[in-house]
PDB file of N, CA and C in Angstrom:
ATOM      1  N   MET A   1     -16.697  13.589  12.975  1.00  0.00           N
ATOM      2  CA  MET A   1     -16.480  15.104  12.624  1.00  0.00           C
ATOM      3  C   MET A   1     -17.187  15.404  11.614  1.00  0.00           C
ATOM      4  N   SER A   2     -17.964  16.662  11.878  1.00  0.00           N
ATOM      5  CA  SER A   2     -18.919  17.156  10.928  1.00  0.00           C
ATOM      6  C   SER A   2     -18.186  18.286  10.122  1.00  0.00           C
ATOM      7  N   ARG A   3     -18.359  18.276   8.994  1.00  0.00           N
ATOM      8  CA  ARG A   3     -17.808  19.464   7.975  1.00  0.00           C
ATOM      9  C   ARG A   3     -16.117  19.836   8.192  1.00  0.00           C
ATOM     10  N   PRO A   4     -15.583  18.631   7.623  1.00  0.00           N
ATOM     11  CA  PRO A   4     -14.124  18.529   7.925  1.00  0.00           C
ATOM     12  C   PRO A   4     -13.438  19.411   6.755  1.00  0.00           C
ATOM     13  N   ARG A   5     -12.529  20.154   7.048  1.00  0.00           N
ATOM     14  CA  ARG A   5     -11.759  20.834   5.785  1.00  0.00           C
ATOM     15  C   ARG A   5     -10.776  20.125   5.229  1.00  0.00           C
ATOM     16  N   LEU A   6     -10.340  19.153   6.015  1.00  0.00           N
ATOM     17  CA  LEU A   6      -9.006  18.325   5.325  1.00  0.00           C
ATOM     18  C   LEU A   6      -9.592  16.867   5.592  1.00  0.00           C
ATOM     19  N   LEU A   7      -9.274  16.031   4.444  1.00  0.00           N
ATOM     20  CA  LEU A   7      -9.697  14.504   4.354  1.00  0.00           C
ATOM     21  C   LEU A   7      -8.142  14.089   3.971  1.00  0.00           C
ATOM     22  N   LEU A   8      -7.501  13.092   4.712  1.00  0.00           N
ATOM     23  CA  LEU A   8      -6.341  12.291   4.055  1.00  0.00           C
ATOM     24  C   LEU A   8      -6.858  10.880   4.040  1.00  0.00           C
ATOM     25  N   LEU A   9      -6.355  10.530   2.707  1.00  0.00           N
ATOM     26  CA  LEU A   9      -6.915   9.043   2.278  1.00  0.00           C
ATOM     27  C   LEU A   9      -5.571   8.305   1.884  1.00  0.00           C
ATOM     28  N   ASP A  10      -5.575   7.115   2.289  1.00  0.00           N
ATOM     29  CA  ASP A  10      -4.522   6.251   1.990  1.00  0.00           C
ATOM     30  C   ASP A  10      -4.771   5.085   1.289  1.00  0.00           C
ATOM     31  N   GLU A  11      -4.688   4.918   0.148  1.00  0.00           N
ATOM     32  CA  GLU A  11      -5.077   3.923  -0.786  1.00  0.00           C
ATOM     33  C   GLU A  11      -6.553   3.340  -0.723  1.00  0.00           C
ATOM     34  N   PRO A  12      -7.435   4.492  -1.015  1.00  0.00           N
ATOM     35  CA  PRO A  12      -8.910   4.136  -0.836  1.00  0.00           C
ATOM     36  C   PRO A  12      -9.478   3.203  -1.916  1.00  0.00           C
ATOM     37  N   SER A  13      -8.629   2.868  -3.065  1.00  0.00           N
ATOM     38  CA  SER A  13      -9.128   1.839  -4.149  1.00  0.00           C
ATOM     39  C   SER A  13      -8.590   0.512  -3.634  1.00  0.00           C
ATOM     40  N   LEU A  14      -7.620   0.272  -2.697  1.00  0.00           N
ATOM     41  CA  LEU A  14      -6.828  -0.989  -2.419  1.00  0.00           C
ATOM     42  C   LEU A  14      -7.723  -2.057  -2.205  1.00  0.00           C
ATOM     43  N   GLY A  15      -7.751  -3.068  -3.087  1.00  0.00           N
ATOM     44  CA  GLY A  15      -8.760  -4.259  -2.694  1.00  0.00           C
ATOM     45  C   GLY A  15      -9.984  -4.310  -2.793  1.00  0.00           C
ATOM     46  N   LEU A  16     -10.640  -3.188  -3.599  1.00  0.00           N
ATOM     47  CA  LEU A  16     -11.919  -2.950  -3.940  1.00  0.00           C
ATOM     48  C   LEU A  16     -12.178  -3.590  -5.358  1.00  0.00           C
ATOM     49  N   ALA A  17     -13.448  -4.051  -5.661  1.00  0.00           N
ATOM     50  CA  ALA A  17     -14.081  -4.098  -6.963  1.00  0.00           C
ATOM     51  C   ALA A  17     -14.064  -2.670  -7.592  1.00  0.00           C
ATOM     52  N   PRO A  18     -13.638  -3.056  -8.964  1.00  0.00           N
ATOM     53  CA  PRO A  18     -13.860  -1.748  -9.891  1.00  0.00           C
ATOM     54  C   PRO A  18     -14.999  -0.913  -9.920  1.00  0.00           C
ATOM     55  N   LEU A  19     -16.074  -1.370  -9.753  1.00  0.00           N
ATOM     56  CA  LEU A  19     -17.358  -0.631  -9.671  1.00  0.00           C
ATOM     57  C   LEU A  19     -17.467   0.021  -8.283  1.00  0.00           C
ATOM     58  N   ILE A  20     -17.078  -0.433  -7.187  1.00  0.00           N
ATOM     59  CA  ILE A  20     -16.883   0.028  -5.829  1.00  0.00           C
ATOM     60  C   ILE A  20     -15.791   1.392  -6.037  1.00  0.00           C
ATOM     61  N   VAL A  21     -14.735   1.140  -6.536  1.00  0.00           N
ATOM     62  CA  VAL A  21     -13.429   2.104  -6.765  1.00  0.00           C
ATOM     63  C   VAL A  21     -14.209   3.350  -7.423  1.00  0.00           C
ATOM     64  N   LEU A  22     -15.045   3.097  -8.553  1.00  0.00           N
ATOM     65  CA  LEU A  22     -15.607   4.147  -9.329  1.00  0.00           C
ATOM     66  C   LEU A  22     -16.583   5.054  -8.332  1.00  0.00           C
ATOM     67  N   GLU A  23     -17.276   4.546  -7.485  1.00  0.00           N
ATOM     68  CA  GLU A  23     -17.981   5.134  -6.531  1.00  0.00           C
ATOM     69  C   GLU A  23     -17.210   5.947  -5.606  1.00  0.00           C
ATOM     70  N   ILE A  24     -16.341   5.176  -4.994  1.00  0.00           N
ATOM     71  CA  ILE A  24     -15.604   5.791  -4.077  1.00  0.00           C
ATOM     72  C   ILE A  24     -14.836   7.120  -4.508  1.00  0.00           C
ATOM     73  N   PHE A  25     -14.241   7.127  -5.663  1.00  0.00           N
ATOM     74  CA  PHE A  25     -13.892   8.610  -6.299  1.00  0.00           C
ATOM     75  C   PHE A  25     -14.926   9.202  -6.867  1.00  0.00           C
ATOM     76  N   ALA A  26     -16.229   9.217  -6.978  1.00  0.00           N
ATOM     77  CA  ALA A  26     -17.200  10.038  -7.241  1.00  0.00           C
ATOM     78  C   ALA A  26     -17.439  10.573  -5.993  1.00  0.00           C
ATOM     79  N   ILE A  27     -17.467  10.092  -4.754  1.00  0.00           N
ATOM     80  CA  ILE A  27     -17.701  10.435  -3.560  1.00  0.00           C
ATOM     81  C   ILE A  27     -16.529  11.466  -3.314  1.00  0.00           C
ATOM     82  N   ILE A  28     -15.161  11.023  -3.568  1.00  0.00           N
ATOM     83  CA  ILE A  28     -14.109  11.952  -3.226  1.00  0.00           C
ATOM     84  C   ILE A  28     -14.138  13.233  -4.425  1.00  0.00           C
ATOM     85  N   ASP A  29     -14.715  13.022  -5.564  1.00  0.00           N
ATOM     86  CA  ASP A  29     -14.883  14.282  -6.243  1.00  0.00           C
ATOM     87  C   ASP A  29     -15.755  15.157  -5.669  1.00  0.00           C
ATOM     88  N   GLU A  30     -17.053  14.519  -5.091  1.00  0.00           N
ATOM     89  CA  GLU A  30     -18.049  15.396  -4.535  1.00  0.00           C
ATOM     90  C   GLU A  30     -17.838  16.292  -3.388  1.00  0.00           C
ATOM     91  N   LEU A  31     -16.800  15.508  -2.602  1.00  0.00           N
ATOM     92  CA  LEU A  31     -16.458  16.192  -1.144  1.00  0.00           C
ATOM     93  C   LEU A  31     -15.525  17.338  -1.726  1.00  0.00           C
ATOM     94  N   ASN A  32     -14.797  17.050  -2.610  1.00  0.00           N
ATOM     95  CA  ASN A  32     -13.799  18.154  -3.066  1.00  0.00           C
ATOM     96  C   ASN A  32     -14.557  19.424  -3.541  1.00  0.00           C
ATOM     97  N   ARG A  33     -15.485  19.147  -4.444  1.00  0.00           N
ATOM     98  CA  ARG A  33     -16.431  20.061  -4.900  1.00  0.00           C
ATOM     99  C   ARG A  33     -17.112  20.898  -3.968  1.00  0.00           C
ATOM    100  N   ASP A  34     -17.475  20.296  -2.816  1.00  0.00           N
ATOM    101  CA  ASP A  34     -18.059  20.849  -1.640  1.00  0.00           C
ATOM    102  C   ASP A  34     -16.874  21.731  -0.781  1.00  0.00           C
ATOM    103  N   GLY A  35     -15.739  21.730  -1.082  1.00  0.00           N
ATOM    104  CA  GLY A  35     -14.859  22.431  -0.442  1.00  0.00           C
ATOM    105  C   GLY A  35     -13.848  21.616   0.641  1.00  0.00           C
ATOM    106  N   VAL A  36     -13.910  20.413   0.597  1.00  0.00           N
ATOM    107  CA  VAL A  36     -12.928  19.772   1.446  1.00  0.00           C
ATOM    108  C   VAL A  36     -11.743  19.492   0.456  1.00  0.00           C
ATOM    109  N   THR A  37     -10.471  19.773   1.067  1.00  0.00           N
ATOM    110  CA  THR A  37      -9.367  19.529   0.778  1.00  0.00           C
ATOM    111  C   THR A  37      -9.155  17.944   0.917  1.00  0.00           C
ATOM    112  N   ILE A  38      -8.546  17.459  -0.192  1.00  0.00           N
ATOM    113  CA  ILE A  38      -8.116  15.983   0.150  1.00  0.00           C
ATOM    114  C   ILE A  38      -6.677  15.624  -0.364  1.00  0.00           C
ATOM    115  N   LEU A  39      -6.055  15.023   0.504  1.00  0.00           N
ATOM    116  CA  LEU A  39      -4.757  14.516   0.511  1.00  0.00           C
ATOM    117  C   LEU A  39      -4.747  13.002   0.165  1.00  0.00           C
ATOM    118  N   LEU A  40      -4.386  12.461  -1.035  1.00  0.00           N
ATOM    119  CA  LEU A  40      -4.826  11.247  -1.543  1.00  0.00           C
ATOM    120  C   LEU A  40      -3.413  10.725  -1.717  1.00  0.00           C
ATOM    121  N   VAL A  41      -3.146   9.474  -1.195  1.00  0.00           N
ATOM    122  CA  VAL A  41      -1.983   8.661  -1.523  1.00  0.00           C
ATOM    123  C   VAL A  41      -2.672   7.493  -2.195  1.00  0.00           C
ATOM    124  N   GLU A  42      -2.227   6.940  -3.447  1.00  0.00           N
ATOM    125  CA  GLU A  42      -2.713   6.012  -3.980  1.00  0.00           C
ATOM    126  C   GLU A  42      -1.702   5.638  -5.315  1.00  0.00           C
ATOM    127  N   GLN A  43      -1.609   4.294  -5.262  1.00  0.00           N
ATOM    128  CA  GLN A  43      -0.620   3.606  -6.273  1.00  0.00           C
ATOM    129  C   GLN A  43      -1.202   3.492  -7.505  1.00  0.00           C
ATOM    130  N   ASN A  44      -2.371   3.573  -7.646  1.00  0.00           N
ATOM    131  CA  ASN A  44      -3.297   3.499  -9.017  1.00  0.00           C
ATOM    132  C   ASN A  44      -2.842   4.884  -9.549  1.00  0.00           C
ATOM    133  N   ALA A  45      -1.859   5.289 -10.397  1.00  0.00           N
ATOM    134  CA  ALA A  45      -1.529   6.498 -10.635  1.00  0.00           C
ATOM    135  C   ALA A  45      -2.237   7.073 -11.851  1.00  0.00           C
ATOM    136  N   ARG A  46      -2.944   6.526 -12.650  1.00  0.00           N
ATOM    137  CA  ARG A  46      -3.824   7.188 -13.534  1.00  0.00           C
ATOM    138  C   ARG A  46      -4.968   7.426 -13.044  1.00  0.00           C
ATOM    139  N   LEU A  47      -5.572   6.722 -11.996  1.00  0.00           N
ATOM    140  CA  LEU A  47      -6.769   6.880 -11.193  1.00  0.00           C
ATOM    141  C   LEU A  47      -6.545   8.339 -10.598  1.00  0.00           C
ATOM    142  N   ALA A  48      -5.539   8.394  -9.799  1.00  0.00           N
ATOM    143  CA  ALA A  48      -4.977   9.387  -8.950  1.00  0.00           C
ATOM    144  C   ALA A  48      -5.092  10.691  -9.654  1.00  0.00           C
ATOM    145  N   LEU A  49      -4.382  10.717 -10.697  1.00  0.00           N
ATOM    146  CA  LEU A  49      -4.276  11.656 -11.736  1.00  0.00           C
ATOM    147  C   LEU A  49      -5.464  12.305 -12.224  1.00  0.00           C
ATOM    148  N   GLN A  50      -6.380  11.360 -12.582  1.00  0.00           N
ATOM    149  CA  GLN A  50      -7.676  11.633 -13.164  1.00  0.00           C
ATOM    150  C   GLN A  50      -8.575  12.550 -12.160  1.00  0.00           C
ATOM    151  N   HIS A  51      -8.296  12.276 -10.868  1.00  0.00           N
ATOM    152  CA  HIS A  51      -9.107  12.824  -9.987  1.00  0.00           C
ATOM    153  C   HIS A  51      -8.577  13.910  -9.046  1.00  0.00           C
ATOM    154  N   SER A  52      -7.278  14.499  -9.546  1.00  0.00           N
ATOM    155  CA  SER A  52      -6.487  15.482  -8.698  1.00  0.00           C
ATOM    156  C   SER A  52      -6.534  16.724  -9.350  1.00  0.00           C
ATOM    157  N   HIS A  53      -5.972  17.833  -8.620  1.00  0.00           N
ATOM    158  CA  HIS A  53      -5.757  19.050  -9.078  1.00  0.00           C
ATOM    159  C   HIS A  53      -4.009  19.096  -9.155  1.00  0.00           C
ATOM    160  N   ARG A  54      -3.202  18.754  -8.090  1.00  0.00           N
ATOM    161  CA  ARG A  54      -2.077  18.600  -8.162  1.00  0.00           C
ATOM    162  C   ARG A  54      -1.398  17.140  -7.785  1.00  0.00           C
ATOM    163  N   ALA A  55      -0.224  16.992  -8.244  1.00  0.00           N
ATOM    164  CA  ALA A  55       0.129  15.798  -7.922  1.00  0.00           C
ATOM    165  C   ALA A  55       1.869  15.693  -7.698  1.00  0.00           C
ATOM    166  N   TYR A  56       2.080  14.920  -6.837  1.00  0.00           N
ATOM    167  CA  TYR A  56       3.723  14.752  -6.384  1.00  0.00           C
ATOM    168  C   TYR A  56       3.925  13.093  -6.706  1.00  0.00           C
ATOM    169  N   VAL A  57       5.263  12.900  -6.964  1.00  0.00           N
ATOM    170  CA  VAL A  57       5.539  11.552  -7.251  1.00  0.00           C
ATOM    171  C   VAL A  57       6.922  11.356  -6.112  1.00  0.00           C
ATOM    172  N   LEU A  58       6.778  10.561  -5.224  1.00  0.00           N
ATOM    173  CA  LEU A  58       7.753  10.177  -4.262  1.00  0.00           C
ATOM    174  C   LEU A  58       8.512   9.136  -4.650  1.00  0.00           C
ATOM    175  N   GLU A  59       9.938   9.282  -4.522  1.00  0.00           N
ATOM    176  CA  GLU A  59      10.834   7.862  -4.548  1.00  0.00           C
ATOM    177  C   GLU A  59      11.769   8.096  -3.563  1.00  0.00           C
ATOM    178  N   ALA A  60      11.721   7.004  -2.703  1.00  0.00           N
ATOM    179  CA  ALA A  60      12.552   6.729  -1.604  1.00  0.00           C
ATOM    180  C   ALA A  60      12.523   7.935  -0.590  1.00  0.00           C
ATOM    181  N   GLY A  61      11.047   8.382  -0.585  1.00  0.00           N
ATOM    182  CA  GLY A  61      10.786   9.512   0.408  1.00  0.00           C
ATOM    183  C   GLY A  61      11.025  10.658   0.034  1.00  0.00           C
ATOM    184  N   GLU A  62      11.531  11.178  -1.171  1.00  0.00           N
ATOM    185  CA  GLU A  62      11.865  12.190  -1.743  1.00  0.00           C
ATOM    186  C   GLU A  62      10.704  12.738  -2.990  1.00  0.00           C
ATOM    187  N   VAL A  63      10.381  14.143  -2.904  1.00  0.00           N
ATOM    188  CA  VAL A  63       9.634  14.433  -4.060  1.00  0.00           C
ATOM    189  C   VAL A  63      10.465  14.457  -5.473  1.00  0.00           C
ATOM    190  N   THR A  64      10.184  13.720  -6.287  1.00  0.00           N
ATOM    191  CA  THR A  64      11.219  13.759  -7.733  1.00  0.00           C
ATOM    192  C   THR A  64      10.506  14.448  -8.760  1.00  0.00           C
ATOM    193  N   ILE A  65       9.022  14.450  -8.863  1.00  0.00           N
ATOM    194  CA  ILE A  65       8.212  15.102  -9.654  1.00  0.00           C
ATOM    195  C   ILE A  65       6.997  15.804  -8.864  1.00  0.00           C
ATOM    196  N   ALA A  66       6.744  16.974  -9.339  1.00  0.00           N
ATOM    197  CA  ALA A  66       5.551  17.808  -8.761  1.00  0.00           C
ATOM    198  C   ALA A  66       4.925  18.625  -9.920  1.00  0.00           C
ATOM    199  N   GLY A  67       3.713  18.698 -10.117  1.00  0.00           N
ATOM    200  CA  GLY A  67       2.842  19.571 -10.829  1.00  0.00           C
ATOM    201  C   GLY A  67       1.578  19.603 -10.944  1.00  0.00           C
ATOM    202  N   HIS A  68       0.751  20.297 -11.861  1.00  0.00           N
ATOM    203  CA  HIS A  68      -0.587  19.974 -11.899  1.00  0.00           C
ATOM    204  C   HIS A  68      -0.707  18.486 -12.358  1.00  0.00           C
ATOM    205  N   ALA A  69      -1.846  17.706 -11.988  1.00  0.00           N
ATOM    206  CA  ALA A  69      -1.959  16.432 -12.527  1.00  0.00           C
ATOM    207  C   ALA A  69      -2.283  16.252 -14.106  1.00  0.00           C
ATOM    208  N   SER A  70      -2.860  17.241 -14.610  1.00  0.00           N
ATOM    209  CA  SER A  70      -2.784  17.085 -16.121  1.00  0.00           C
ATOM    210  C   SER A  70      -1.323  16.999 -16.745  1.00  0.00           C
ATOM    211  N   GLN A  71      -0.622  17.868 -16.045  1.00  0.00           N
ATOM    212  CA  GLN A  71       0.730  17.885 -16.626  1.00  0.00           C
ATOM    213  C   GLN A  71       1.664  16.491 -16.651  1.00  0.00           C
ATOM    214  N   LEU A  72       1.427  16.048 -15.261  1.00  0.00           N
ATOM    215  CA  LEU A  72       1.999  14.550 -14.967  1.00  0.00           C
ATOM    216  C   LEU A  72       1.518  13.678 -15.630  1.00  0.00           C
ATOM    217  N   MET A  73       0.323  13.769 -16.206  1.00  0.00           N
ATOM    218  CA  MET A  73      -0.439  12.566 -17.093  1.00  0.00           C
ATOM    219  C   MET A  73       0.535  12.510 -18.539  1.00  0.00           C
ATOM    220  N   ASP A  74       0.924  13.745 -18.994  1.00  0.00           N
ATOM    221  CA  ASP A  74       1.750  13.922 -20.109  1.00  0.00           C
ATOM    222  C   ASP A  74       3.426  14.106 -19.723  1.00  0.00           C
ATOM    223  N   ASP A  75       3.750  13.921 -18.772  1.00  0.00           N
ATOM    224  CA  ASP A  75       5.085  13.466 -18.505  1.00  0.00           C
ATOM    225  C   ASP A  75       5.742  12.362 -18.715  1.00  0.00           C
ATOM    226  N   GLU A  76       6.781  12.368 -19.373  1.00  0.00           N
ATOM    227  CA  GLU A  76       7.434  11.218 -20.154  1.00  0.00           C
ATOM    228  C   GLU A  76       7.888  10.360 -19.028  1.00  0.00           C
ATOM    229  N   ARG A  77       8.408  10.640 -17.923  1.00  0.00           N
ATOM    230  CA  ARG A  77       8.980  10.054 -16.807  1.00  0.00           C
ATOM    231  C   ARG A  77       7.733   9.167 -16.143  1.00  0.00           C
ATOM    232  N   VAL A  78       6.543  10.070 -15.985  1.00  0.00           N
ATOM    233  CA  VAL A  78       5.525   9.625 -15.250  1.00  0.00           C
ATOM    234  C   VAL A  78       4.749   8.350 -16.200  1.00  0.00           C
ATOM    235  N   LEU A  79       4.609   8.635 -17.534  1.00  0.00           N
ATOM    236  CA  LEU A  79       4.102   7.881 -18.526  1.00  0.00           C
ATOM    237  C   LEU A  79       4.828   6.585 -18.357  1.00  0.00           C
ATOM    238  N   HIS A  80       5.907   6.471 -18.534  1.00  0.00           N
ATOM    239  CA  HIS A  80       6.947   5.397 -18.503  1.00  0.00           C
ATOM    240  C   HIS A  80       6.969   4.656 -17.354  1.00  0.00           C
ATOM    241  N   ALA A  81       7.189   5.290 -16.155  1.00  0.00           N
ATOM    242  CA  ALA A  81       7.267   4.455 -15.011  1.00  0.00           C
ATOM    243  C   ALA A  81       6.361   4.123 -14.340  1.00  0.00           C
ATOM    244  N   TYR A  82       4.983   5.036 -14.437  1.00  0.00           N
ATOM    245  CA  TYR A  82       3.722   4.679 -13.675  1.00  0.00           C
ATOM    246  C   TYR A  82       2.489   4.352 -14.262  1.00  0.00           C
ATOM    247  N   LEU A  83       2.414   4.868 -15.470  1.00  0.00           N
ATOM    248  CA  LEU A  83       1.359   4.431 -16.616  1.00  0.00           C
ATOM    249  C   LEU A  83       1.514   3.638 -17.517  1.00  0.00           C
ATOM    250  N   GLY A  84       2.518   3.073 -17.545  1.00  0.00           N
ATOM    251  CA  GLY A  84       2.492   1.809 -18.615  1.00  0.00           C
ATOM    252  C   GLY A  84       2.754   2.302 -20.094  1.00  0.00           C
ATOM    253  N   ASN A  85       3.030   3.479 -20.296  1.00  0.00           N
ATOM    254  CA  ASN A  85       3.064   4.019 -21.869  1.00  0.00           C
ATOM    255  C   ASN A  85       4.306   3.937 -22.385  1.00  0.00           C
TER     256      ASN A  85
END
């Protein structure tokens, strides 16, 4: 499909070498700058938040935390549970 408006990605970093992950996320950022909306599901919370505008934390299928990615990076619940701080 040429020129998609929406791209759904499920764990794009899973099982990849760190340098490849950086390349993948650089491409994701570029696609987003070009106007593609991206829905990203990623267990690497720090990486996902660094490359997102908005974020949602799901627990048992329910949205428990939502907001701008920069806000979630500073949220004590997210820091403790997902970012190891």
